[in-house]
Amino acid sequence: MCRDATELAEHTTYLLGEYHIWPSTPRILVEEFAQGPHFSVDIMGTQVVEICAVQGGPPPHFACRGYTHPAPLTDEECKRIAHVSLGCMQALNLAGAPRSLS
């Protein structure tokens, strides 16, 4: 995890440098770190089965340490998370099969 643009540039240079071992042209996806709670959403078809809170470890690996079933959320928070999750599945054309989103 890079803390600023300088670290990102240095790490990108390293990853794309002359020593890369990939058989194809390497690509890098850079995403902004989202601060806040982590939830896992289990979906069956077009129905949200459960939303659980994920207890993650410290940076940079954030390894999962456990889950709280169900997540301690208000009804409104559950509705928003379910709406976004189902919308993502539809946008990616993945609706209809069992899925787990984080």
PDB file of N, CA and C in Angstrom:
ATOM      1  N   MET A   1       0.851  -1.160   0.000  1.00  0.00           N
ATOM      2  CA  MET A   1       0.000   0.000   0.000  1.00  0.00           C
ATOM      3  C   MET A   1       0.901   1.228   0.000  1.00  0.00           C
ATOM      4  N   CYS A   2       0.638   2.123  -0.918  1.00  0.00           N
ATOM      5  CA  CYS A   2       1.417   3.357  -1.029  1.00  0.00           C
ATOM      6  C   CYS A   2       0.709   4.472  -0.271  1.00  0.00           C
ATOM      7  N   ARG A   3       1.483   5.271   0.445  1.00  0.00           N
ATOM      8  CA  ARG A   3       0.896   6.333   1.265  1.00  0.00           C
ATOM      9  C   ARG A   3       0.759   7.657   0.530  1.00  0.00           C
ATOM     10  N   ASP A   4       1.490   7.824  -0.574  1.00  0.00           N
ATOM     11  CA  ASP A   4       1.406   9.084  -1.311  1.00  0.00           C
ATOM     12  C   ASP A   4       1.838   8.856  -2.759  1.00  0.00           C
ATOM     13  N   ALA A   5       1.754   9.916  -3.560  1.00  0.00           N
ATOM     14  CA  ALA A   5       2.058   9.808  -4.988  1.00  0.00           C
ATOM     15  C   ALA A   5       3.518   9.434  -5.241  1.00  0.00           C
ATOM     16  N   THR A   6       4.422   9.890  -4.396  1.00  0.00           N
ATOM     17  CA  THR A   6       5.838   9.555  -4.569  1.00  0.00           C
ATOM     18  C   THR A   6       6.058   8.053  -4.391  1.00  0.00           C
ATOM     19  N   GLU A   7       5.489   7.484  -3.335  1.00  0.00           N
ATOM     20  CA  GLU A   7       5.609   6.038  -3.126  1.00  0.00           C
ATOM     21  C   GLU A   7       4.964   5.261  -4.267  1.00  0.00           C
ATOM     22  N   LEU A   8       3.832   5.751  -4.760  1.00  0.00           N
ATOM     23  CA  LEU A   8       3.165   5.102  -5.885  1.00  0.00           C
ATOM     24  C   LEU A   8       4.065   5.102  -7.111  1.00  0.00           C
ATOM     25  N   ALA A   9       4.686   6.234  -7.415  1.00  0.00           N
ATOM     26  CA  ALA A   9       5.582   6.324  -8.571  1.00  0.00           C
ATOM     27  C   ALA A   9       6.771   5.377  -8.418  1.00  0.00           C
ATOM     28  N   GLU A  10       7.348   5.328  -7.229  1.00  0.00           N
ATOM     29  CA  GLU A  10       8.490   4.441  -6.990  1.00  0.00           C
ATOM     30  C   GLU A  10       8.097   2.973  -7.146  1.00  0.00           C
ATOM     31  N   HIS A  11       6.974   2.599  -6.568  1.00  0.00           N
ATOM     32  CA  HIS A  11       6.553   1.202  -6.631  1.00  0.00           C
ATOM     33  C   HIS A  11       6.155   0.815  -8.057  1.00  0.00           C
ATOM     34  N   THR A  12       5.500   1.719  -8.765  1.00  0.00           N
ATOM     35  CA  THR A  12       5.133   1.460 -10.154  1.00  0.00           C
ATOM     36  C   THR A  12       6.381   1.272 -11.006  1.00  0.00           C
ATOM     37  N   THR A  13       7.379   2.113 -10.809  1.00  0.00           N
ATOM     38  CA  THR A  13       8.636   1.985 -11.549  1.00  0.00           C
ATOM     39  C   THR A  13       9.265   0.622 -11.279  1.00  0.00           C
ATOM     40  N   TYR A  14       9.247   0.200 -10.023  1.00  0.00           N
ATOM     41  CA  TYR A  14       9.796  -1.112  -9.669  1.00  0.00           C
ATOM     42  C   TYR A  14       9.011  -2.233 -10.360  1.00  0.00           C
ATOM     43  N   LEU A  15       7.671  -2.183 -10.275  1.00  0.00           N
ATOM     44  CA  LEU A  15       6.843  -3.245 -10.844  1.00  0.00           C
ATOM     45  C   LEU A  15       6.945  -3.323 -12.360  1.00  0.00           C
ATOM     46  N   LEU A  16       7.095  -2.172 -13.001  1.00  0.00           N
ATOM     47  CA  LEU A  16       7.157  -2.150 -14.463  1.00  0.00           C
ATOM     48  C   LEU A  16       8.592  -2.107 -14.985  1.00  0.00           C
ATOM     49  N   GLY A  17       9.549  -2.217 -14.099  1.00  0.00           N
ATOM     50  CA  GLY A  17      10.954  -2.143 -14.480  1.00  0.00           C
ATOM     51  C   GLY A  17      11.390  -3.319 -15.327  1.00  0.00           C
ATOM     52  N   GLU A  18      12.664  -3.337 -15.624  1.00  0.00           N
ATOM     53  CA  GLU A  18      13.210  -4.343 -16.533  1.00  0.00           C
ATOM     54  C   GLU A  18      13.184  -5.753 -15.969  1.00  0.00           C
ATOM     55  N   TYR A  19      12.884  -5.910 -14.704  1.00  0.00           N
ATOM     56  CA  TYR A  19      12.935  -7.232 -14.092  1.00  0.00           C
ATOM     57  C   TYR A  19      11.587  -7.931 -13.984  1.00  0.00           C
ATOM     58  N   HIS A  20      10.545  -7.349 -14.583  1.00  0.00           N
ATOM     59  CA  HIS A  20       9.247  -8.024 -14.478  1.00  0.00           C
ATOM     60  C   HIS A  20       9.309  -9.363 -15.215  1.00  0.00           C
ATOM     61  N   ILE A  21       8.566 -10.347 -14.713  1.00  0.00           N
ATOM     62  CA  ILE A  21       8.643 -11.704 -15.255  1.00  0.00           C
ATOM     63  C   ILE A  21       7.351 -12.136 -15.953  1.00  0.00           C
ATOM     64  N   TRP A  22       6.437 -11.227 -16.154  1.00  0.00           N
ATOM     65  CA  TRP A  22       5.172 -11.584 -16.782  1.00  0.00           C
ATOM     66  C   TRP A  22       5.372 -11.829 -18.270  1.00  0.00           C
ATOM     67  N   PRO A  23       4.698 -12.839 -18.833  1.00  0.00           N
ATOM     68  CA  PRO A  23       4.837 -13.103 -20.262  1.00  0.00           C
ATOM     69  C   PRO A  23       4.109 -12.073 -21.129  1.00  0.00           C
ATOM     70  N   SER A  24       3.170 -11.353 -20.548  1.00  0.00           N
ATOM     71  CA  SER A  24       2.442 -10.327 -21.302  1.00  0.00           C
ATOM     72  C   SER A  24       2.801  -8.950 -20.755  1.00  0.00           C
ATOM     73  N   THR A  25       2.345  -7.925 -21.444  1.00  0.00           N
ATOM     74  CA  THR A  25       2.602  -6.562 -21.010  1.00  0.00           C
ATOM     75  C   THR A  25       1.952  -6.336 -19.648  1.00  0.00           C
ATOM     76  N   PRO A  26       2.718  -5.927 -18.650  1.00  0.00           N
ATOM     77  CA  PRO A  26       2.140  -5.739 -17.315  1.00  0.00           C
ATOM     78  C   PRO A  26       1.241  -4.513 -17.247  1.00  0.00           C
ATOM     79  N   ARG A  27       0.222  -4.612 -16.405  1.00  0.00           N
ATOM     80  CA  ARG A  27      -0.697  -3.505 -16.151  1.00  0.00           C
ATOM     81  C   ARG A  27      -0.856  -3.373 -14.647  1.00  0.00           C
ATOM     82  N   ILE A  28      -1.160  -2.181 -14.212  1.00  0.00           N
ATOM     83  CA  ILE A  28      -1.346  -1.935 -12.789  1.00  0.00           C
ATOM     84  C   ILE A  28      -2.670  -1.217 -12.585  1.00  0.00           C
ATOM     85  N   LEU A  29      -3.447  -1.701 -11.628  1.00  0.00           N
ATOM     86  CA  LEU A  29      -4.684  -1.041 -11.229  1.00  0.00           C
ATOM     87  C   LEU A  29      -4.407  -0.310  -9.923  1.00  0.00           C
ATOM     88  N   VAL A  30      -4.613   0.989  -9.921  1.00  0.00           N
ATOM     89  CA  VAL A  30      -4.403   1.803  -8.725  1.00  0.00           C
ATOM     90  C   VAL A  30      -5.770   2.229  -8.213  1.00  0.00           C
ATOM     91  N   GLU A  31      -6.036   1.925  -6.952  1.00  0.00           N
ATOM     92  CA  GLU A  31      -7.304   2.288  -6.342  1.00  0.00           C
ATOM     93  C   GLU A  31      -7.054   3.091  -5.080  1.00  0.00           C
ATOM     94  N   GLU A  32      -7.941   4.020  -4.822  1.00  0.00           N
ATOM     95  CA  GLU A  32      -7.852   4.797  -3.594  1.00  0.00           C
ATOM     96  C   GLU A  32      -8.339   3.940  -2.430  1.00  0.00           C
ATOM     97  N   PHE A  33      -7.653   4.023  -1.316  1.00  0.00           N
ATOM     98  CA  PHE A  33      -8.049   3.279  -0.124  1.00  0.00           C
ATOM     99  C   PHE A  33      -9.307   3.902   0.456  1.00  0.00           C
ATOM    100  N   ALA A  34     -10.301   3.083   0.688  1.00  0.00           N
ATOM    101  CA  ALA A  34     -11.566   3.557   1.251  1.00  0.00           C
ATOM    102  C   ALA A  34     -11.545   3.362   2.762  1.00  0.00           C
ATOM    103  N   GLN A  35     -11.612   4.448   3.498  1.00  0.00           N
ATOM    104  CA  GLN A  35     -11.669   4.388   4.958  1.00  0.00           C
ATOM    105  C   GLN A  35     -13.074   3.991   5.385  1.00  0.00           C
ATOM    106  N   GLY A  36     -13.170   3.205   6.427  1.00  0.00           N
ATOM    107  CA  GLY A  36     -14.485   2.891   6.959  1.00  0.00           C
ATOM    108  C   GLY A  36     -14.673   1.418   7.212  1.00  0.00           C
ATOM    109  N   PRO A  37     -15.870   1.046   7.638  1.00  0.00           N
ATOM    110  CA  PRO A  37     -16.141  -0.350   7.962  1.00  0.00           C
ATOM    111  C   PRO A  37     -16.162  -1.228   6.716  1.00  0.00           C
ATOM    112  N   HIS A  38     -15.925  -2.519   6.924  1.00  0.00           N
ATOM    113  CA  HIS A  38     -15.875  -3.498   5.842  1.00  0.00           C
ATOM    114  C   HIS A  38     -17.028  -4.479   6.044  1.00  0.00           C
ATOM    115  N   PHE A  39     -17.809  -4.673   4.993  1.00  0.00           N
ATOM    116  CA  PHE A  39     -18.940  -5.590   5.062  1.00  0.00           C
ATOM    117  C   PHE A  39     -18.831  -6.631   3.964  1.00  0.00           C
ATOM    118  N   SER A  40     -19.382  -7.796   4.213  1.00  0.00           N
ATOM    119  CA  SER A  40     -19.481  -8.862   3.226  1.00  0.00           C
ATOM    120  C   SER A  40     -20.966  -9.118   2.993  1.00  0.00           C
ATOM    121  N   VAL A  41     -21.345  -9.201   1.722  1.00  0.00           N
ATOM    122  CA  VAL A  41     -22.752  -9.367   1.365  1.00  0.00           C
ATOM    123  C   VAL A  41     -22.907 -10.682   0.610  1.00  0.00           C
ATOM    124  N   ASP A  42     -23.712 -11.581   1.148  1.00  0.00           N
ATOM    125  CA  ASP A  42     -23.981 -12.861   0.493  1.00  0.00           C
ATOM    126  C   ASP A  42     -25.273 -12.737  -0.300  1.00  0.00           C
ATOM    127  N   ILE A  43     -25.196 -13.094  -1.580  1.00  0.00           N
ATOM    128  CA  ILE A  43     -26.331 -12.944  -2.491  1.00  0.00           C
ATOM    129  C   ILE A  43     -26.639 -14.296  -3.126  1.00  0.00           C
ATOM    130  N   MET A  44     -27.916 -14.626  -3.192  1.00  0.00           N
ATOM    131  CA  MET A  44     -28.375 -15.821  -3.886  1.00  0.00           C
ATOM    132  C   MET A  44     -29.365 -15.368  -4.938  1.00  0.00           C
ATOM    133  N   GLY A  45     -28.971 -15.484  -6.197  1.00  0.00           N
ATOM    134  CA  GLY A  45     -29.822 -14.999  -7.274  1.00  0.00           C
ATOM    135  C   GLY A  45     -29.920 -13.490  -7.228  1.00  0.00           C
ATOM    136  N   THR A  46     -31.110 -12.988  -6.950  1.00  0.00           N
ATOM    137  CA  THR A  46     -31.314 -11.542  -6.844  1.00  0.00           C
ATOM    138  C   THR A  46     -31.706 -11.136  -5.425  1.00  0.00           C
ATOM    139  N   GLN A  47     -31.435 -11.995  -4.460  1.00  0.00           N
ATOM    140  CA  GLN A  47     -31.788 -11.726  -3.071  1.00  0.00           C
ATOM    141  C   GLN A  47     -30.540 -11.652  -2.193  1.00  0.00           C
ATOM    142  N   VAL A  48     -30.481 -10.635  -1.351  1.00  0.00           N
ATOM    143  CA  VAL A  48     -29.414 -10.559  -0.358  1.00  0.00           C
ATOM    144  C   VAL A  48     -29.790 -11.501   0.780  1.00  0.00           C
ATOM    145  N   VAL A  49     -28.923 -12.458   1.057  1.00  0.00           N
ATOM    146  CA  VAL A  49     -29.165 -13.445   2.101  1.00  0.00           C
ATOM    147  C   VAL A  49     -28.705 -12.920   3.453  1.00  0.00           C
ATOM    148  N   GLU A  50     -27.521 -12.297   3.464  1.00  0.00           N
ATOM    149  CA  GLU A  50     -26.975 -11.813   4.726  1.00  0.00           C
ATOM    150  C   GLU A  50     -25.924 -10.745   4.467  1.00  0.00           C
ATOM    151  N   ILE A  51     -25.830  -9.818   5.400  1.00  0.00           N
ATOM    152  CA  ILE A  51     -24.758  -8.824   5.414  1.00  0.00           C
ATOM    153  C   ILE A  51     -24.027  -9.012   6.733  1.00  0.00           C
ATOM    154  N   CYS A  52     -22.725  -9.226   6.659  1.00  0.00           N
ATOM    155  CA  CYS A  52     -21.960  -9.383   7.897  1.00  0.00           C
ATOM    156  C   CYS A  52     -20.833  -8.359   7.937  1.00  0.00           C
ATOM    157  N   ALA A  53     -20.443  -8.000   9.140  1.00  0.00           N
ATOM    158  CA  ALA A  53     -19.328  -7.075   9.345  1.00  0.00           C
ATOM    159  C   ALA A  53     -18.040  -7.892   9.378  1.00  0.00           C
ATOM    160  N   VAL A  54     -17.011  -7.385   8.716  1.00  0.00           N
ATOM    161  CA  VAL A  54     -15.720  -8.067   8.648  1.00  0.00           C
ATOM    162  C   VAL A  54     -14.742  -7.354   9.576  1.00  0.00           C
ATOM    163  N   GLN A  55     -14.092  -8.124  10.434  1.00  0.00           N
ATOM    164  CA  GLN A  55     -13.037  -7.564  11.275  1.00  0.00           C
ATOM    165  C   GLN A  55     -11.716  -7.838  10.566  1.00  0.00           C
ATOM    166  N   GLY A  56     -11.086  -6.764  10.117  1.00  0.00           N
ATOM    167  CA  GLY A  56      -9.832  -6.897   9.389  1.00  0.00           C
ATOM    168  C   GLY A  56      -8.641  -6.535  10.242  1.00  0.00           C
ATOM    169  N   GLY A  57      -7.495  -7.049   9.837  1.00  0.00           N
ATOM    170  CA  GLY A  57      -6.252  -6.740  10.525  1.00  0.00           C
ATOM    171  C   GLY A  57      -5.686  -5.411  10.068  1.00  0.00           C
ATOM    172  N   PRO A  58      -4.528  -5.063  10.578  1.00  0.00           N
ATOM    173  CA  PRO A  58      -3.914  -3.774  10.264  1.00  0.00           C
ATOM    174  C   PRO A  58      -3.306  -3.750   8.862  1.00  0.00           C
ATOM    175  N   PRO A  59      -3.064  -2.541   8.340  1.00  0.00           N
ATOM    176  CA  PRO A  59      -2.387  -2.417   7.056  1.00  0.00           C
ATOM    177  C   PRO A  59      -0.976  -2.986   7.151  1.00  0.00           C
ATOM    178  N   PRO A  60      -0.379  -3.384   6.088  1.00  0.00           N
ATOM    179  CA  PRO A  60      -0.863  -3.250   4.713  1.00  0.00           C
ATOM    180  C   PRO A  60      -1.658  -4.451   4.217  1.00  0.00           C
ATOM    181  N   HIS A  61      -1.811  -5.514   5.011  1.00  0.00           N
ATOM    182  CA  HIS A  61      -2.441  -6.730   4.488  1.00  0.00           C
ATOM    183  C   HIS A  61      -3.931  -6.828   4.789  1.00  0.00           C
ATOM    184  N   PHE A  62      -4.396  -6.230   5.876  1.00  0.00           N
ATOM    185  CA  PHE A  62      -5.817  -6.206   6.226  1.00  0.00           C
ATOM    186  C   PHE A  62      -6.427  -7.610   6.290  1.00  0.00           C
ATOM    187  N   ALA A  63      -5.675  -8.597   6.731  1.00  0.00           N
ATOM    188  CA  ALA A  63      -6.156  -9.983   6.781  1.00  0.00           C
ATOM    189  C   ALA A  63      -7.421 -10.084   7.631  1.00  0.00           C
ATOM    190  N   CYS A  64      -8.361 -10.871   7.147  1.00  0.00           N
ATOM    191  CA  CYS A  64      -9.627 -11.058   7.858  1.00  0.00           C
ATOM    192  C   CYS A  64      -9.382 -11.796   9.166  1.00  0.00           C
ATOM    193  N   ARG A  65      -9.934 -11.245  10.245  1.00  0.00           N
ATOM    194  CA  ARG A  65      -9.791 -11.864  11.566  1.00  0.00           C
ATOM    195  C   ARG A  65     -11.096 -12.451  12.080  1.00  0.00           C
ATOM    196  N   GLY A  66     -12.192 -12.120  11.428  1.00  0.00           N
ATOM    197  CA  GLY A  66     -13.469 -12.658  11.870  1.00  0.00           C
ATOM    198  C   GLY A  66     -14.638 -11.901  11.277  1.00  0.00           C
ATOM    199  N   TYR A  67     -15.839 -12.403  11.560  1.00  0.00           N
ATOM    200  CA  TYR A  67     -17.077 -11.821  11.047  1.00  0.00           C
ATOM    201  C   TYR A  67     -18.080 -11.655  12.185  1.00  0.00           C
ATOM    202  N   THR A  68     -18.960 -10.676  12.045  1.00  0.00           N
ATOM    203  CA  THR A  68     -20.094 -10.521  12.945  1.00  0.00           C
ATOM    204  C   THR A  68     -21.345 -10.756  12.114  1.00  0.00           C
ATOM    205  N   HIS A  69     -22.123 -11.800  12.490  1.00  0.00           N
ATOM    206  CA  HIS A  69     -23.337 -12.179  11.763  1.00  0.00           C
ATOM    207  C   HIS A  69     -24.544 -11.929  12.647  1.00  0.00           C
ATOM    208  N   PRO A  70     -25.532 -11.222  12.231  1.00  0.00           N
ATOM    209  CA  PRO A  70     -25.517 -10.267  11.121  1.00  0.00           C
ATOM    210  C   PRO A  70     -24.780  -8.996  11.531  1.00  0.00           C
ATOM    211  N   ALA A  71     -24.467  -8.188  10.539  1.00  0.00           N
ATOM    212  CA  ALA A  71     -23.788  -6.918  10.814  1.00  0.00           C
ATOM    213  C   ALA A  71     -24.695  -6.018  11.647  1.00  0.00           C
ATOM    214  N   PRO A  72     -24.127  -5.301  12.599  1.00  0.00           N
ATOM    215  CA  PRO A  72     -24.933  -4.392  13.428  1.00  0.00           C
ATOM    216  C   PRO A  72     -25.266  -3.113  12.655  1.00  0.00           C
ATOM    217  N   LEU A  73     -26.286  -3.200  11.808  1.00  0.00           N
ATOM    218  CA  LEU A  73     -26.688  -2.088  10.942  1.00  0.00           C
ATOM    219  C   LEU A  73     -28.147  -1.731  11.173  1.00  0.00           C
ATOM    220  N   THR A  74     -28.486  -0.488  10.862  1.00  0.00           N
ATOM    221  CA  THR A  74     -29.892  -0.084  10.877  1.00  0.00           C
ATOM    222  C   THR A  74     -30.574  -0.656   9.635  1.00  0.00           C
ATOM    223  N   ASP A  75     -31.890  -0.652   9.631  1.00  0.00           N
ATOM    224  CA  ASP A  75     -32.628  -1.118   8.453  1.00  0.00           C
ATOM    225  C   ASP A  75     -32.253  -0.305   7.220  1.00  0.00           C
ATOM    226  N   GLU A  76     -32.099   1.006   7.400  1.00  0.00           N
ATOM    227  CA  GLU A  76     -31.750   1.878   6.272  1.00  0.00           C
ATOM    228  C   GLU A  76     -30.362   1.545   5.730  1.00  0.00           C
ATOM    229  N   GLU A  77     -29.408   1.296   6.611  1.00  0.00           N
ATOM    230  CA  GLU A  77     -28.056   0.930   6.164  1.00  0.00           C
ATOM    231  C   GLU A  77     -28.074  -0.398   5.409  1.00  0.00           C
ATOM    232  N   CYS A  78     -28.842  -1.357   5.902  1.00  0.00           N
ATOM    233  CA  CYS A  78     -28.968  -2.646   5.209  1.00  0.00           C
ATOM    234  C   CYS A  78     -29.558  -2.464   3.816  1.00  0.00           C
ATOM    235  N   LYS A  79     -30.591  -1.633   3.713  1.00  0.00           N
ATOM    236  CA  LYS A  79     -31.221  -1.387   2.413  1.00  0.00           C
ATOM    237  C   LYS A  79     -30.239  -0.753   1.436  1.00  0.00           C
ATOM    238  N   ARG A  80     -29.447   0.219   1.907  1.00  0.00           N
ATOM    239  CA  ARG A  80     -28.472   0.888   1.029  1.00  0.00           C
ATOM    240  C   ARG A  80     -27.395  -0.084   0.565  1.00  0.00           C
ATOM    241  N   ILE A  81     -26.853  -0.877   1.492  1.00  0.00           N
ATOM    242  CA  ILE A  81     -25.808  -1.837   1.128  1.00  0.00           C
ATOM    243  C   ILE A  81     -26.361  -2.882   0.160  1.00  0.00           C
ATOM    244  N   ALA A  82     -27.567  -3.369   0.413  1.00  0.00           N
ATOM    245  CA  ALA A  82     -28.191  -4.350  -0.476  1.00  0.00           C
ATOM    246  C   ALA A  82     -28.419  -3.756  -1.864  1.00  0.00           C
ATOM    247  N   HIS A  83     -28.909  -2.527  -1.916  1.00  0.00           N
ATOM    248  CA  HIS A  83     -29.178  -1.865  -3.195  1.00  0.00           C
ATOM    249  C   HIS A  83     -27.896  -1.713  -4.020  1.00  0.00           C
ATOM    250  N   VAL A  84     -26.832  -1.240  -3.389  1.00  0.00           N
ATOM    251  CA  VAL A  84     -25.558  -1.060  -4.101  1.00  0.00           C
ATOM    252  C   VAL A  84     -25.003  -2.413  -4.546  1.00  0.00           C
ATOM    253  N   SER A  85     -25.061  -3.405  -3.679  1.00  0.00           N
ATOM    254  CA  SER A  85     -24.524  -4.730  -4.002  1.00  0.00           C
ATOM    255  C   SER A  85     -25.260  -5.366  -5.172  1.00  0.00           C
ATOM    256  N   LEU A  86     -26.578  -5.329  -5.139  1.00  0.00           N
ATOM    257  CA  LEU A  86     -27.356  -5.898  -6.238  1.00  0.00           C
ATOM    258  C   LEU A  86     -27.142  -5.115  -7.528  1.00  0.00           C
ATOM    259  N   GLY A  87     -26.993  -3.794  -7.415  1.00  0.00           N
ATOM    260  CA  GLY A  87     -26.706  -2.976  -8.593  1.00  0.00           C
ATOM    261  C   GLY A  87     -25.365  -3.328  -9.215  1.00  0.00           C
ATOM    262  N   CYS A  88     -24.371  -3.596  -8.380  1.00  0.00           N
ATOM    263  CA  CYS A  88     -23.055  -4.009  -8.889  1.00  0.00           C
ATOM    264  C   CYS A  88     -23.164  -5.330  -9.641  1.00  0.00           C
ATOM    265  N   MET A  89     -23.896  -6.276  -9.079  1.00  0.00           N
ATOM    266  CA  MET A  89     -24.051  -7.579  -9.732  1.00  0.00           C
ATOM    267  C   MET A  89     -24.751  -7.437 -11.077  1.00  0.00           C
ATOM    268  N   GLN A  90     -25.755  -6.570 -11.122  1.00  0.00           N
ATOM    269  CA  GLN A  90     -26.474  -6.350 -12.373  1.00  0.00           C
ATOM    270  C   GLN A  90     -25.575  -5.658 -13.394  1.00  0.00           C
ATOM    271  N   ALA A  91     -24.831  -4.646 -12.963  1.00  0.00           N
ATOM    272  CA  ALA A  91     -23.950  -3.915 -13.878  1.00  0.00           C
ATOM    273  C   ALA A  91     -22.865  -4.815 -14.458  1.00  0.00           C
ATOM    274  N   LEU A  92     -22.411  -5.787 -13.679  1.00  0.00           N
ATOM    275  CA  LEU A  92     -21.370  -6.710 -14.139  1.00  0.00           C
ATOM    276  C   LEU A  92     -21.951  -7.952 -14.815  1.00  0.00           C
ATOM    277  N   ASN A  93     -23.269  -7.974 -14.965  1.00  0.00           N
ATOM    278  CA  ASN A  93     -23.977  -9.099 -15.574  1.00  0.00           C
ATOM    279  C   ASN A  93     -23.697 -10.405 -14.819  1.00  0.00           C
ATOM    280  N   LEU A  94     -23.666 -10.324 -13.500  1.00  0.00           N
ATOM    281  CA  LEU A  94     -23.413 -11.488 -12.656  1.00  0.00           C
ATOM    282  C   LEU A  94     -24.626 -11.870 -11.818  1.00  0.00           C
ATOM    283  N   ALA A  95     -25.743 -11.218 -12.067  1.00  0.00           N
ATOM    284  CA  ALA A  95     -26.949 -11.515 -11.298  1.00  0.00           C
ATOM    285  C   ALA A  95     -27.423 -12.931 -11.613  1.00  0.00           C
ATOM    286  N   GLY A  96     -28.017 -13.566 -10.623  1.00  0.00           N
ATOM    287  CA  GLY A  96     -28.611 -14.874 -10.849  1.00  0.00           C
ATOM    288  C   GLY A  96     -27.843 -16.033 -10.251  1.00  0.00           C
ATOM    289  N   ALA A  97     -26.617 -15.835  -9.866  1.00  0.00           N
ATOM    290  CA  ALA A  97     -25.820 -16.914  -9.285  1.00  0.00           C
ATOM    291  C   ALA A  97     -25.432 -16.548  -7.856  1.00  0.00           C
ATOM    292  N   PRO A  98     -25.088 -17.531  -7.049  1.00  0.00           N
ATOM    293  CA  PRO A  98     -24.636 -17.223  -5.686  1.00  0.00           C
ATOM    294  C   PRO A  98     -23.346 -16.407  -5.722  1.00  0.00           C
ATOM    295  N   ARG A  99     -23.293 -15.350  -4.931  1.00  0.00           N
ATOM    296  CA  ARG A  99     -22.113 -14.470  -4.901  1.00  0.00           C
ATOM    297  C   ARG A  99     -21.867 -13.995  -3.484  1.00  0.00           C
ATOM    298  N   SER A 100     -20.634 -13.621  -3.238  1.00  0.00           N
ATOM    299  CA  SER A 100     -20.262 -12.978  -1.983  1.00  0.00           C
ATOM    300  C   SER A 100     -19.439 -11.753  -2.332  1.00  0.00           C
ATOM    301  N   LEU A 101     -19.900 -10.597  -1.899  1.00  0.00           N
ATOM    302  CA  LEU A 101     -19.229  -9.328  -2.200  1.00  0.00           C
ATOM    303  C   LEU A 101     -18.640  -8.742  -0.934  1.00  0.00           C
ATOM    304  N   SER A 102     -17.521  -8.068  -1.074  1.00  0.00           N
ATOM    305  CA  SER A 102     -16.942  -7.334   0.060  1.00  0.00           C
ATOM    306  C   SER A 102     -16.877  -5.871  -0.288  1.00  0.00           C
TER     307      SER A 102
END
